[in-house]
Amino acid sequence: MAVRSVDLDPHRRAPLGKTVAAIRRGKVTPMSGLDWALTFTLGILYIALLFTVAVVTFRKGHWVMGLIGFFFPILWLIGAVIPPARGRHR
């Protein structure tokens, strides 16, 4: 008895908007050197800016928001923008 593939819909979407059928046909091109360079550069810039905002959040006295920000980074951005916590006015 042969095992059938569970994939019955060849037009279902795969990651990054590619269809499963296109991946199987080999119509998906690999990333070029420029794609990798831009991805790496923008990724490093994103991480550096994110942790810079995290430091600003902690320096303004928003410790709880800073700690939770490790799981929800948007809280770092909010903590960096709002005024300092009580007793931390400079």
C-alpha atoms as a PDB file:
ATOM      1  CA  MET A   1       0.000   0.000   0.000  1.00  0.00           C
ATOM      2  CA  ALA A   2       1.510   3.333  -1.080  1.00  0.00           C
ATOM      3  CA  VAL A   3       1.501   6.349   1.196  1.00  0.00           C
ATOM      4  CA  ARG A   4      -0.212   9.382  -0.348  1.00  0.00           C
ATOM      5  CA  SER A   5       1.022  12.887   0.180  1.00  0.00           C
ATOM      6  CA  VAL A   6      -1.145  14.984   2.481  1.00  0.00           C
ATOM      7  CA  ASP A   7      -0.594  18.036   0.254  1.00  0.00           C
ATOM      8  CA  LEU A   8      -3.752  18.000  -1.858  1.00  0.00           C
ATOM      9  CA  ASP A   9      -3.766  21.701  -2.793  1.00  0.00           C
ATOM     10  CA  PRO A  10      -0.735  22.610  -4.962  1.00  0.00           C
ATOM     11  CA  HIS A  11      -1.712  26.303  -4.919  1.00  0.00           C
ATOM     12  CA  ARG A  12      -1.600  26.677  -1.144  1.00  0.00           C
ATOM     13  CA  ARG A  13       0.732  29.461  -0.018  1.00  0.00           C
ATOM     14  CA  ALA A  14       4.167  28.648   1.324  1.00  0.00           C
ATOM     15  CA  PRO A  15       6.411  31.014   3.314  1.00  0.00           C
ATOM     16  CA  LEU A  16       7.232  34.369   1.684  1.00  0.00           C
ATOM     17  CA  GLY A  17       4.302  34.179  -0.713  1.00  0.00           C
ATOM     18  CA  LYS A  18       5.664  31.340  -2.847  1.00  0.00           C
ATOM     19  CA  THR A  19       3.258  28.598  -3.809  1.00  0.00           C
ATOM     20  CA  VAL A  20       4.103  24.985  -3.108  1.00  0.00           C
ATOM     21  CA  ALA A  21       3.710  24.215  -6.810  1.00  0.00           C
ATOM     22  CA  ALA A  22       6.252  26.912  -7.760  1.00  0.00           C
ATOM     23  CA  ILE A  23       8.767  25.522  -5.284  1.00  0.00           C
ATOM     24  CA  ARG A  24       8.318  22.010  -6.662  1.00  0.00           C
ATOM     25  CA  ARG A  25       8.747  23.197 -10.250  1.00  0.00           C
ATOM     26  CA  GLY A  26      11.999  24.967  -9.363  1.00  0.00           C
ATOM     27  CA  LYS A  27      10.611  28.383 -10.339  1.00  0.00           C
ATOM     28  CA  VAL A  28      11.817  29.957  -7.086  1.00  0.00           C
ATOM     29  CA  THR A  29      15.211  31.607  -7.417  1.00  0.00           C
ATOM     30  CA  PRO A  30      17.678  31.593  -4.537  1.00  0.00           C
ATOM     31  CA  MET A  31      18.731  34.833  -2.870  1.00  0.00           C
ATOM     32  CA  SER A  32      21.573  36.644  -4.628  1.00  0.00           C
ATOM     33  CA  GLY A  33      24.645  38.057  -2.911  1.00  0.00           C
ATOM     34  CA  LEU A  34      23.069  41.510  -2.811  1.00  0.00           C
ATOM     35  CA  ASP A  35      19.929  40.093  -1.196  1.00  0.00           C
ATOM     36  CA  TRP A  36      22.020  38.450   1.517  1.00  0.00           C
ATOM     37  CA  ALA A  37      24.088  41.610   2.079  1.00  0.00           C
ATOM     38  CA  LEU A  38      21.006  43.813   2.417  1.00  0.00           C
ATOM     39  CA  THR A  39      19.265  41.329   4.687  1.00  0.00           C
ATOM     40  CA  PHE A  40      22.307  41.040   6.938  1.00  0.00           C
ATOM     41  CA  THR A  41      22.960  44.814   7.040  1.00  0.00           C
ATOM     42  CA  LEU A  42      19.353  45.767   7.732  1.00  0.00           C
ATOM     43  CA  GLY A  43      19.032  43.000  10.306  1.00  0.00           C
ATOM     44  CA  ILE A  44      22.089  44.221  12.224  1.00  0.00           C
ATOM     45  CA  LEU A  45      20.831  47.819  12.027  1.00  0.00           C
ATOM     46  CA  TYR A  46      17.409  46.730  13.341  1.00  0.00           C
ATOM     47  CA  ILE A  47      18.952  44.871  16.277  1.00  0.00           C
ATOM     48  CA  ALA A  48      21.292  47.777  17.133  1.00  0.00           C
ATOM     49  CA  LEU A  49      18.467  50.319  17.068  1.00  0.00           C
ATOM     50  CA  LEU A  50      16.194  48.017  19.046  1.00  0.00           C
ATOM     51  CA  PHE A  51      18.700  47.572  21.860  1.00  0.00           C
ATOM     52  CA  THR A  52      19.520  51.293  21.833  1.00  0.00           C
ATOM     53  CA  VAL A  53      15.848  52.010  22.474  1.00  0.00           C
ATOM     54  CA  ALA A  54      15.903  49.335  25.206  1.00  0.00           C
ATOM     55  CA  VAL A  55      18.760  51.123  26.985  1.00  0.00           C
ATOM     56  CA  VAL A  56      16.882  54.438  26.791  1.00  0.00           C
ATOM     57  CA  THR A  57      13.828  52.735  28.305  1.00  0.00           C
ATOM     58  CA  PHE A  58      15.856  51.421  31.244  1.00  0.00           C
ATOM     59  CA  ARG A  59      17.620  54.768  31.767  1.00  0.00           C
ATOM     60  CA  LYS A  60      14.274  56.550  31.996  1.00  0.00           C
ATOM     61  CA  GLY A  61      13.360  54.283  34.891  1.00  0.00           C
ATOM     62  CA  HIS A  62      10.792  52.082  33.158  1.00  0.00           C
ATOM     63  CA  TRP A  63      12.187  48.780  34.479  1.00  0.00           C
ATOM     64  CA  VAL A  64       9.052  46.674  34.154  1.00  0.00           C
ATOM     65  CA  MET A  65       8.406  47.903  30.636  1.00  0.00           C
ATOM     66  CA  GLY A  66      12.050  47.228  29.797  1.00  0.00           C
ATOM     67  CA  LEU A  67      11.945  43.659  31.052  1.00  0.00           C
ATOM     68  CA  ILE A  68       8.665  42.841  29.323  1.00  0.00           C
ATOM     69  CA  GLY A  69      10.131  44.481  26.210  1.00  0.00           C
ATOM     70  CA  PHE A  70      12.415  41.477  25.737  1.00  0.00           C
ATOM     71  CA  PHE A  71       9.273  39.556  24.757  1.00  0.00           C
ATOM     72  CA  PHE A  72       7.343  42.495  23.197  1.00  0.00           C
ATOM     73  CA  PRO A  73       9.912  44.963  21.761  1.00  0.00           C
ATOM     74  CA  ILE A  74       7.246  47.582  20.999  1.00  0.00           C
ATOM     75  CA  LEU A  75       7.262  48.327  24.727  1.00  0.00           C
ATOM     76  CA  TRP A  76      10.872  49.505  24.448  1.00  0.00           C
ATOM     77  CA  LEU A  77       9.834  52.058  21.870  1.00  0.00           C
ATOM     78  CA  ILE A  78       6.972  53.238  24.058  1.00  0.00           C
ATOM     79  CA  GLY A  79       9.220  53.376  27.124  1.00  0.00           C
ATOM     80  CA  ALA A  80      11.808  55.448  25.262  1.00  0.00           C
ATOM     81  CA  VAL A  81       9.221  58.002  24.122  1.00  0.00           C
ATOM     82  CA  ILE A  82       7.174  58.560  27.290  1.00  0.00           C
ATOM     83  CA  PRO A  83       8.474  60.870  30.056  1.00  0.00           C
ATOM     84  CA  PRO A  84      10.798  59.446  32.753  1.00  0.00           C
ATOM     85  CA  ALA A  85       9.323  57.618  35.718  1.00  0.00           C
ATOM     86  CA  ARG A  86       8.724  59.489  38.974  1.00  0.00           C
ATOM     87  CA  GLY A  87      11.924  60.396  40.736  1.00  0.00           C
ATOM     88  CA  ARG A  88      13.958  60.165  37.515  1.00  0.00           C
ATOM     89  CA  HIS A  89      13.521  63.742  36.254  1.00  0.00           C
ATOM     90  CA  ARG A  90      16.721  65.244  34.885  1.00  0.00           C
END
